[in-house]
Amino acid sequence: NCCLPCNRRVQSSKLGPTPPRLLTEEEYRLQGEVETRKALAELRSFCQSPEFSAWSTVSRIQSPKRFADFVGGASHVTPNEASVHEREFGLESLFIDEQLFEEDDDDDEDEDSVSDSFAG
């Protein structure tokens, strides 16, 4: 004599786990921004804690002033780095990629028509 909720558990376990819902591109971008901000805040907090060995860290990095600015709240990237990233990975690069793929598609059509004319 099994109760109804028990019976449902057995049925759902037979079906297996449901696959996770995939993120949209916008959700993925947003999650990346949120998680990056959260991780940077955690890193700043750790760098300001008594457990952090500032001297050994500063002695091993290339730009101690930039690191100190970051720990104090400055951005982790320079305006120039942000600009380069936006050019390479932002909307502008997506537009350029689309144009390149469209040109590649056009080239394939041209090659097909050329090879057809030789086959005749």
N, C-alpha and C. Protein backbone atom coordinates (compact mmCIF):
# COMPACT_ATOMS: atom_id res chain seq x y z
N ASN A 1 0.83 -1.18 0.00
CA ASN A 1 0.00 0.00 0.00
C ASN A 1 0.88 1.25 0.00
N CYS A 2 1.14 1.76 -1.12
CA CYS A 2 1.99 2.95 -1.25
C CYS A 2 1.11 4.17 -1.40
N CYS A 3 1.53 5.24 -0.76
CA CYS A 3 0.76 6.49 -0.87
C CYS A 3 1.07 7.16 -2.20
N LEU A 4 0.22 8.06 -2.61
CA LEU A 4 0.35 8.72 -3.91
C LEU A 4 1.66 9.50 -4.07
N PRO A 5 2.09 10.34 -3.09
CA PRO A 5 3.36 11.06 -3.26
C PRO A 5 4.55 10.11 -3.44
N CYS A 6 4.52 8.98 -2.74
CA CYS A 6 5.58 7.99 -2.86
C CYS A 6 5.64 7.47 -4.29
N ASN A 7 4.47 7.18 -4.84
CA ASN A 7 4.36 6.65 -6.19
C ASN A 7 4.91 7.66 -7.21
N ARG A 8 4.65 8.94 -7.01
CA ARG A 8 5.17 9.98 -7.92
C ARG A 8 6.69 10.03 -7.90
N ARG A 9 7.29 9.87 -6.71
CA ARG A 9 8.75 9.87 -6.61
C ARG A 9 9.35 8.74 -7.42
N VAL A 10 8.73 7.59 -7.38
CA VAL A 10 9.23 6.44 -8.13
C VAL A 10 9.13 6.72 -9.62
N GLN A 11 8.03 7.28 -10.07
CA GLN A 11 7.86 7.58 -11.48
C GLN A 11 8.88 8.61 -11.96
N SER A 12 9.08 9.67 -11.18
CA SER A 12 10.02 10.71 -11.62
C SER A 12 11.45 10.20 -11.65
N SER A 13 11.81 9.27 -10.76
CA SER A 13 13.18 8.76 -10.76
C SER A 13 13.41 7.87 -11.97
N LYS A 14 12.36 7.23 -12.48
CA LYS A 14 12.50 6.39 -13.67
C LYS A 14 12.75 7.24 -14.91
N LEU A 15 12.21 8.43 -14.94
CA LEU A 15 12.39 9.30 -16.10
C LEU A 15 13.80 9.87 -16.18
N GLY A 16 14.50 9.89 -15.07
CA GLY A 16 15.85 10.43 -15.05
C GLY A 16 15.83 11.92 -14.79
N PRO A 17 16.99 12.49 -14.60
CA PRO A 17 17.04 13.93 -14.32
C PRO A 17 16.67 14.72 -15.57
N THR A 18 15.99 15.83 -15.33
CA THR A 18 15.66 16.69 -16.45
C THR A 18 16.89 17.53 -16.79
N PRO A 19 17.18 17.68 -18.07
CA PRO A 19 18.36 18.47 -18.44
C PRO A 19 18.17 19.92 -18.04
N PRO A 20 19.24 20.61 -17.67
CA PRO A 20 19.10 22.02 -17.28
C PRO A 20 18.72 22.86 -18.49
N ARG A 21 18.01 23.95 -18.23
CA ARG A 21 17.65 24.88 -19.28
C ARG A 21 18.89 25.66 -19.69
N LEU A 22 19.13 25.77 -20.97
CA LEU A 22 20.27 26.54 -21.45
C LEU A 22 19.99 28.03 -21.34
N LEU A 23 21.03 28.80 -21.04
CA LEU A 23 20.89 30.24 -20.92
C LEU A 23 20.80 30.88 -22.29
N THR A 24 20.07 31.97 -22.36
CA THR A 24 20.10 32.78 -23.58
C THR A 24 21.43 33.52 -23.60
N GLU A 25 21.78 34.09 -24.72
CA GLU A 25 23.04 34.84 -24.81
C GLU A 25 23.05 36.00 -23.82
N GLU A 26 21.90 36.70 -23.70
CA GLU A 26 21.80 37.82 -22.77
C GLU A 26 21.93 37.35 -21.32
N GLU A 27 21.29 36.24 -20.96
CA GLU A 27 21.40 35.70 -19.60
C GLU A 27 22.84 35.29 -19.30
N TYR A 28 23.52 34.70 -20.29
CA TYR A 28 24.92 34.29 -20.14
C TYR A 28 25.82 35.50 -19.87
N ARG A 29 25.62 36.56 -20.68
CA ARG A 29 26.42 37.78 -20.51
C ARG A 29 26.17 38.41 -19.15
N LEU A 30 24.89 38.49 -18.76
CA LEU A 30 24.53 39.07 -17.48
C LEU A 30 25.11 38.26 -16.32
N GLN A 31 24.99 36.95 -16.39
CA GLN A 31 25.54 36.10 -15.34
C GLN A 31 27.05 36.27 -15.25
N GLY A 32 27.73 36.40 -16.38
CA GLY A 32 29.16 36.63 -16.39
C GLY A 32 29.53 37.92 -15.70
N GLU A 33 28.78 38.98 -15.97
CA GLU A 33 29.05 40.27 -15.33
C GLU A 33 28.82 40.20 -13.83
N VAL A 34 27.71 39.59 -13.42
CA VAL A 34 27.37 39.50 -11.99
C VAL A 34 28.43 38.67 -11.25
N GLU A 35 28.78 37.52 -11.81
CA GLU A 35 29.74 36.64 -11.14
C GLU A 35 31.14 37.26 -11.11
N THR A 36 31.51 38.00 -12.15
CA THR A 36 32.82 38.67 -12.17
C THR A 36 32.87 39.74 -11.09
N ARG A 37 31.81 40.56 -10.99
CA ARG A 37 31.78 41.59 -9.94
C ARG A 37 31.87 40.96 -8.56
N LYS A 38 31.13 39.86 -8.36
CA LYS A 38 31.13 39.18 -7.07
C LYS A 38 32.54 38.63 -6.74
N ALA A 39 33.19 38.01 -7.71
CA ALA A 39 34.52 37.45 -7.50
C ALA A 39 35.55 38.56 -7.24
N LEU A 40 35.44 39.68 -7.95
CA LEU A 40 36.36 40.80 -7.72
C LEU A 40 36.17 41.38 -6.32
N ALA A 41 34.93 41.47 -5.86
CA ALA A 41 34.66 41.96 -4.51
C ALA A 41 35.25 41.01 -3.46
N GLU A 42 35.12 39.71 -3.69
CA GLU A 42 35.71 38.73 -2.78
C GLU A 42 37.23 38.85 -2.76
N LEU A 43 37.83 39.04 -3.94
CA LEU A 43 39.29 39.19 -4.03
C LEU A 43 39.74 40.44 -3.29
N ARG A 44 39.05 41.56 -3.50
CA ARG A 44 39.39 42.80 -2.78
C ARG A 44 39.30 42.58 -1.28
N SER A 45 38.23 41.95 -0.85
CA SER A 45 38.01 41.70 0.57
C SER A 45 39.15 40.85 1.15
N PHE A 46 39.53 39.80 0.43
CA PHE A 46 40.62 38.96 0.91
C PHE A 46 41.93 39.74 0.97
N CYS A 47 42.19 40.57 -0.06
CA CYS A 47 43.43 41.35 -0.10
C CYS A 47 43.50 42.38 1.02
N GLN A 48 42.35 42.76 1.59
CA GLN A 48 42.32 43.72 2.69
C GLN A 48 42.30 43.02 4.05
N SER A 49 42.24 41.69 4.06
CA SER A 49 42.16 40.96 5.32
C SER A 49 43.53 40.77 5.94
N PRO A 50 43.58 40.50 7.25
CA PRO A 50 44.86 40.30 7.93
C PRO A 50 45.60 39.05 7.46
N GLU A 51 44.88 38.06 6.89
CA GLU A 51 45.54 36.83 6.43
C GLU A 51 46.35 37.04 5.16
N PHE A 52 46.09 38.14 4.45
CA PHE A 52 46.74 38.40 3.17
C PHE A 52 48.15 38.92 3.39
N SER A 53 49.12 38.34 2.70
CA SER A 53 50.51 38.76 2.80
C SER A 53 50.81 39.76 1.68
N ALA A 54 50.57 41.03 1.97
CA ALA A 54 50.72 42.07 0.95
C ALA A 54 52.14 42.16 0.43
N TRP A 55 53.12 42.11 1.32
CA TRP A 55 54.50 42.28 0.88
C TRP A 55 54.96 41.18 -0.06
N SER A 56 54.62 39.93 0.24
CA SER A 56 55.06 38.85 -0.66
C SER A 56 54.33 38.94 -1.99
N THR A 57 53.10 39.39 -1.98
CA THR A 57 52.35 39.52 -3.24
C THR A 57 52.91 40.67 -4.06
N VAL A 58 53.10 41.81 -3.45
CA VAL A 58 53.59 42.99 -4.17
C VAL A 58 54.98 42.73 -4.75
N SER A 59 55.79 41.94 -4.05
CA SER A 59 57.14 41.67 -4.55
C SER A 59 57.12 40.78 -5.80
N ARG A 60 55.99 40.12 -6.08
CA ARG A 60 55.92 39.21 -7.23
C ARG A 60 55.13 39.75 -8.41
N ILE A 61 54.50 40.90 -8.29
CA ILE A 61 53.69 41.39 -9.41
C ILE A 61 54.39 42.51 -10.16
N GLN A 62 53.99 42.69 -11.42
CA GLN A 62 54.65 43.67 -12.28
C GLN A 62 54.26 45.10 -11.99
N SER A 63 53.00 45.29 -11.54
CA SER A 63 52.53 46.65 -11.34
C SER A 63 51.91 46.81 -9.95
N PRO A 64 52.77 47.02 -8.93
CA PRO A 64 52.25 47.13 -7.56
C PRO A 64 51.27 48.29 -7.37
N LYS A 65 51.51 49.40 -8.05
CA LYS A 65 50.60 50.55 -7.91
C LYS A 65 49.21 50.21 -8.44
N ARG A 66 49.17 49.56 -9.59
CA ARG A 66 47.88 49.18 -10.17
C ARG A 66 47.15 48.21 -9.24
N PHE A 67 47.90 47.28 -8.65
CA PHE A 67 47.30 46.33 -7.71
C PHE A 67 46.75 47.05 -6.49
N ALA A 68 47.52 47.98 -5.96
CA ALA A 68 47.07 48.74 -4.79
C ALA A 68 45.82 49.55 -5.12
N ASP A 69 45.78 50.13 -6.32
CA ASP A 69 44.59 50.87 -6.75
C ASP A 69 43.38 49.94 -6.82
N PHE A 70 43.57 48.73 -7.36
CA PHE A 70 42.49 47.75 -7.44
C PHE A 70 41.96 47.39 -6.05
N VAL A 71 42.88 47.11 -5.13
CA VAL A 71 42.47 46.76 -3.76
C VAL A 71 41.71 47.92 -3.13
N GLY A 72 42.09 49.15 -3.49
CA GLY A 72 41.42 50.33 -2.97
C GLY A 72 40.09 50.62 -3.64
N GLY A 73 39.73 49.86 -4.68
CA GLY A 73 38.42 50.04 -5.30
C GLY A 73 38.44 50.41 -6.77
N ALA A 74 39.62 50.63 -7.34
CA ALA A 74 39.70 50.99 -8.76
C ALA A 74 39.33 49.78 -9.63
N SER A 75 39.07 50.04 -10.88
CA SER A 75 38.72 48.99 -11.82
C SER A 75 39.89 48.02 -12.00
N HIS A 76 39.56 46.78 -12.34
CA HIS A 76 40.60 45.78 -12.57
C HIS A 76 41.15 45.85 -13.99
N VAL A 77 40.56 46.68 -14.84
CA VAL A 77 41.05 46.86 -16.21
C VAL A 77 41.20 48.35 -16.49
N THR A 78 42.15 48.67 -17.36
CA THR A 78 42.34 50.07 -17.77
C THR A 78 41.32 50.40 -18.85
N PRO A 79 41.06 51.69 -19.08
CA PRO A 79 40.15 52.05 -20.18
C PRO A 79 40.63 51.50 -21.53
N ASN A 80 41.94 51.48 -21.75
CA ASN A 80 42.47 50.94 -23.00
C ASN A 80 42.18 49.44 -23.12
N GLU A 81 42.37 48.69 -22.03
CA GLU A 81 42.07 47.26 -22.04
C GLU A 81 40.59 47.01 -22.31
N ALA A 82 39.73 47.83 -21.72
CA ALA A 82 38.29 47.69 -21.93
C ALA A 82 37.95 47.97 -23.39
N SER A 83 38.59 48.97 -23.98
CA SER A 83 38.34 49.31 -25.38
C SER A 83 38.77 48.19 -26.31
N VAL A 84 39.96 47.64 -26.07
CA VAL A 84 40.45 46.52 -26.89
C VAL A 84 39.52 45.33 -26.77
N HIS A 85 39.09 45.02 -25.55
CA HIS A 85 38.17 43.89 -25.33
C HIS A 85 36.86 44.11 -26.08
N GLU A 86 36.34 45.33 -26.01
CA GLU A 86 35.07 45.63 -26.68
C GLU A 86 35.21 45.48 -28.19
N ARG A 87 36.36 45.92 -28.73
CA ARG A 87 36.58 45.76 -30.18
C ARG A 87 36.65 44.28 -30.56
N GLU A 88 37.32 43.48 -29.72
CA GLU A 88 37.52 42.07 -30.06
C GLU A 88 36.30 41.21 -29.77
N PHE A 89 35.57 41.51 -28.70
CA PHE A 89 34.50 40.62 -28.26
C PHE A 89 33.13 41.28 -28.16
N GLY A 90 33.03 42.57 -28.42
CA GLY A 90 31.76 43.27 -28.26
C GLY A 90 30.87 43.14 -29.47
N LEU A 91 29.85 43.97 -29.51
CA LEU A 91 28.89 43.94 -30.61
C LEU A 91 29.55 44.24 -31.95
N GLU A 92 30.56 45.12 -31.94
CA GLU A 92 31.26 45.46 -33.17
C GLU A 92 31.89 44.21 -33.79
N SER A 93 32.50 43.36 -32.96
CA SER A 93 33.15 42.16 -33.48
C SER A 93 32.11 41.17 -34.00
N LEU A 94 30.94 41.11 -33.36
CA LEU A 94 29.88 40.22 -33.84
C LEU A 94 29.43 40.64 -35.23
N PHE A 95 29.31 41.95 -35.45
CA PHE A 95 28.92 42.47 -36.76
C PHE A 95 29.98 42.12 -37.81
N ILE A 96 31.25 42.27 -37.45
CA ILE A 96 32.34 41.96 -38.38
C ILE A 96 32.33 40.46 -38.69
N ASP A 97 32.14 39.62 -37.66
CA ASP A 97 32.08 38.17 -37.86
C ASP A 97 30.96 37.81 -38.82
N GLU A 98 29.79 38.44 -38.64
CA GLU A 98 28.67 38.16 -39.53
C GLU A 98 29.02 38.51 -40.97
N GLN A 99 29.69 39.65 -41.16
CA GLN A 99 30.08 40.06 -42.50
C GLN A 99 31.07 39.06 -43.11
N LEU A 100 32.03 38.58 -42.31
CA LEU A 100 33.00 37.62 -42.80
C LEU A 100 32.32 36.33 -43.22
N PHE A 101 31.38 35.84 -42.39
CA PHE A 101 30.69 34.61 -42.73
C PHE A 101 29.82 34.78 -43.97
N GLU A 102 29.19 35.95 -44.11
CA GLU A 102 28.38 36.21 -45.30
C GLU A 102 29.26 36.23 -46.54
N GLU A 103 30.46 36.84 -46.43
CA GLU A 103 31.38 36.87 -47.57
C GLU A 103 31.85 35.47 -47.91
N ASP A 104 32.11 34.63 -46.89
CA ASP A 104 32.52 33.25 -47.13
C ASP A 104 31.42 32.49 -47.86
N ASP A 105 30.17 32.72 -47.48
CA ASP A 105 29.05 32.06 -48.14
C ASP A 105 28.98 32.49 -49.61
N ASP A 106 29.19 33.79 -49.85
CA ASP A 106 29.16 34.29 -51.22
C ASP A 106 30.29 33.67 -52.04
N ASP A 107 31.48 33.53 -51.44
CA ASP A 107 32.62 32.92 -52.12
C ASP A 107 32.31 31.49 -52.51
N ASP A 108 31.65 30.74 -51.64
CA ASP A 108 31.30 29.36 -51.92
C ASP A 108 30.39 29.28 -53.14
N GLU A 109 29.43 30.21 -53.22
CA GLU A 109 28.52 30.22 -54.35
C GLU A 109 29.27 30.52 -55.64
N ASP A 110 30.22 31.47 -55.59
CA ASP A 110 31.01 31.82 -56.76
C ASP A 110 31.83 30.62 -57.22
N GLU A 111 32.44 29.90 -56.27
CA GLU A 111 33.25 28.74 -56.60
C GLU A 111 32.40 27.66 -57.26
N ASP A 112 31.16 27.46 -56.76
CA ASP A 112 30.27 26.47 -57.33
C ASP A 112 29.92 26.82 -58.78
N SER A 113 29.64 28.11 -59.04
CA SER A 113 29.27 28.49 -60.39
C SER A 113 30.47 28.37 -61.33
N VAL A 114 31.68 28.65 -60.85
CA VAL A 114 32.88 28.52 -61.68
C VAL A 114 33.12 27.06 -62.00
N SER A 115 32.99 26.18 -60.98
CA SER A 115 33.25 24.77 -61.22
C SER A 115 32.18 24.17 -62.12
N ASP A 116 30.95 24.68 -62.07
CA ASP A 116 29.89 24.19 -62.94
C ASP A 116 30.17 24.56 -64.39
N SER A 117 30.73 25.74 -64.60
CA SER A 117 31.00 26.16 -65.97
C SER A 117 32.12 25.33 -66.59
N PHE A 118 33.06 24.84 -65.79
CA PHE A 118 34.12 24.00 -66.30
C PHE A 118 33.66 22.57 -66.53
N ALA A 119 32.65 22.15 -65.76
CA ALA A 119 32.18 20.78 -65.87
C ALA A 119 31.42 20.55 -67.18
N GLY A 120 30.84 21.59 -67.75
CA GLY A 120 29.94 21.48 -68.88
C GLY A 120 30.55 21.03 -70.11
